Amino acid sequence: MDMTPLIPAGRQIVESYGHRRFRVSGTLHEGSVLVFPDRTLAWPVAEAAGANPENLLTVSEAGRAGAIELLLLGCGLKMTLVPSSLRAALREAGVVIEPMDTGAACRTYNVLMAEGRRVAAALVAVE
């Protein structure tokens, strides 16, 4: 029995991470990224503390449009807390943020996206 989830065409899957880059659906991305089900964007953040409402504006816009309801924040090698101001700004846009280490965020994103959830991931690149 094949247990591989059926992934709709055009959906972004995080295939690998490390060495300060990500491979998403066959494309190599250097540095941190924002991964949405339909696209992957460069994210100018080197550590989780650099996440703010301005550099997550694309996520907020997707939340207001109803495309995203959950943002997984891959914080790097270790999970860190999310400032209440960032949590509130995203909540106002209809998005819940969940911090975790980057590896866990990659895996969780893939599972939730395959289930058809309205999820995105903000992933801090790791060595």
Protein backbone atom coordinates (compact mmCIF):
# COMPACT_ATOMS: atom_id res chain seq x y z
CA MET A 1 0.00 0.00 0.00
CA ASP A 2 1.38 3.42 -0.98
CA MET A 3 1.23 5.76 2.02
CA THR A 4 2.57 8.80 0.13
CA PRO A 5 0.04 11.64 0.38
CA LEU A 6 -1.40 12.87 -2.89
CA ILE A 7 -0.13 16.38 -3.39
CA PRO A 8 -2.10 18.50 -5.84
CA ALA A 9 -0.09 19.85 -8.78
CA GLY A 10 1.47 23.25 -8.19
CA ARG A 11 1.64 22.89 -4.40
CA GLN A 12 4.86 23.78 -2.62
CA ILE A 13 6.55 20.99 -0.63
CA VAL A 14 9.66 21.55 1.49
CA GLU A 15 11.97 18.76 0.31
CA SER A 16 15.11 19.63 2.28
CA TYR A 17 16.71 22.27 4.47
CA GLY A 18 20.17 23.05 5.81
CA HIS A 19 23.39 24.75 4.70
CA ARG A 20 21.44 28.06 4.89
CA ARG A 21 19.08 27.03 2.08
CA PHE A 22 15.87 25.18 1.29
CA ARG A 23 14.79 22.98 -1.58
CA VAL A 24 11.09 23.60 -2.20
CA SER A 25 9.33 21.68 -4.98
CA GLY A 26 12.59 21.15 -6.86
CA THR A 27 13.83 24.75 -6.58
CA LEU A 28 16.78 25.74 -4.40
CA HIS A 29 16.28 28.89 -2.28
CA GLU A 30 19.22 30.52 -0.50
CA GLY A 31 18.47 31.99 2.92
CA SER A 32 15.20 32.24 4.81
CA VAL A 33 11.90 31.80 2.97
CA LEU A 34 8.15 32.23 3.21
CA VAL A 35 6.41 29.13 1.87
CA PHE A 36 2.78 29.30 0.80
CA PRO A 37 0.89 26.42 -0.80
CA ASP A 38 1.23 28.07 -4.23
CA ARG A 39 4.57 29.93 -4.05
CA THR A 40 7.83 30.42 -2.15
CA LEU A 41 9.31 33.86 -1.50
CA ALA A 42 12.64 35.07 -0.15
CA TRP A 43 12.33 36.35 3.43
CA PRO A 44 15.01 38.84 4.56
CA VAL A 45 15.36 37.46 8.10
CA ALA A 46 18.47 35.82 9.58
CA GLU A 47 16.96 34.92 12.97
CA ALA A 48 13.47 34.57 14.44
CA ALA A 49 13.82 37.81 16.40
CA GLY A 50 13.85 39.60 13.03
CA ALA A 51 10.27 38.56 12.24
CA ASN A 52 7.92 41.54 12.33
CA PRO A 53 4.59 42.67 10.86
CA GLU A 54 6.34 44.50 8.02
CA ASN A 55 8.34 41.53 6.68
CA LEU A 56 5.31 39.27 7.20
CA LEU A 57 2.95 41.61 5.33
CA THR A 58 2.44 39.01 2.59
CA VAL A 59 1.21 36.57 5.24
CA SER A 60 -1.17 39.17 6.71
CA GLU A 61 -2.55 39.94 3.26
CA ALA A 62 -3.09 36.22 2.60
CA GLY A 63 -4.86 35.95 5.96
CA ARG A 64 -7.18 38.85 5.21
CA ALA A 65 -7.99 37.22 1.85
CA GLY A 66 -8.86 33.96 3.64
CA ALA A 67 -6.03 32.02 1.99
CA ILE A 68 -4.01 31.44 5.19
CA GLU A 69 -5.19 30.71 8.73
CA LEU A 70 -1.99 29.33 10.27
CA LEU A 71 1.64 30.45 10.02
CA LEU A 72 4.32 28.06 11.19
CA LEU A 73 7.38 30.02 12.29
CA GLY A 74 10.57 27.99 11.89
CA CYS A 75 12.77 29.80 14.43
CA GLY A 76 16.10 28.19 13.51
CA LEU A 77 17.72 25.40 15.53
CA LYS A 78 15.58 26.12 18.61
CA MET A 79 12.07 27.40 19.12
CA THR A 80 11.79 30.90 20.51
CA LEU A 81 8.81 32.83 21.81
CA VAL A 82 6.88 35.14 19.50
CA PRO A 83 6.48 38.74 20.72
CA SER A 84 2.89 39.48 21.68
CA SER A 85 2.86 42.45 19.27
CA LEU A 86 3.59 40.16 16.30
CA ARG A 87 1.08 37.57 17.49
CA ALA A 88 -1.57 40.34 17.80
CA ALA A 89 -0.80 41.83 14.38
CA LEU A 90 -1.20 38.46 12.68
CA ARG A 91 -4.30 37.61 14.72
CA GLU A 92 -5.86 40.85 13.49
CA ALA A 93 -5.34 39.53 9.94
CA GLY A 94 -6.95 36.20 10.83
CA VAL A 95 -3.68 34.28 11.15
CA VAL A 96 -2.51 32.22 14.13
CA ILE A 97 1.28 31.91 14.48
CA GLU A 98 2.91 28.79 15.92
CA PRO A 99 6.66 28.88 16.64
CA MET A 100 8.83 25.76 16.48
CA ASP A 101 12.31 24.85 15.29
CA THR A 102 12.84 25.08 11.53
CA GLY A 103 12.95 21.30 10.96
CA ALA A 104 9.66 20.77 12.77
CA ALA A 105 8.09 23.66 10.86
CA CYS A 106 9.14 22.13 7.52
CA ARG A 107 7.66 18.74 8.39
CA THR A 108 4.49 20.16 9.91
CA TYR A 109 3.93 22.47 6.92
CA ASN A 110 4.16 19.53 4.51
CA VAL A 111 1.65 17.45 6.48
CA LEU A 112 -0.85 20.28 6.93
CA MET A 113 -0.56 21.45 3.33
CA ALA A 114 -1.12 17.86 2.10
CA GLU A 115 -4.27 17.78 4.25
CA GLY A 116 -5.54 20.88 2.46
CA ARG A 117 -5.16 23.21 5.44
CA ARG A 118 -4.70 26.94 4.85
CA VAL A 119 -1.11 27.04 6.10
CA ALA A 120 2.11 28.94 5.36
CA ALA A 121 5.60 28.70 6.83
CA ALA A 122 8.12 31.42 7.65
CA LEU A 123 11.39 29.50 7.78
CA VAL A 124 14.65 30.83 9.20
CA ALA A 125 17.58 29.19 7.37
CA VAL A 126 19.85 26.93 9.43
CA GLU A 127 23.36 25.53 8.86
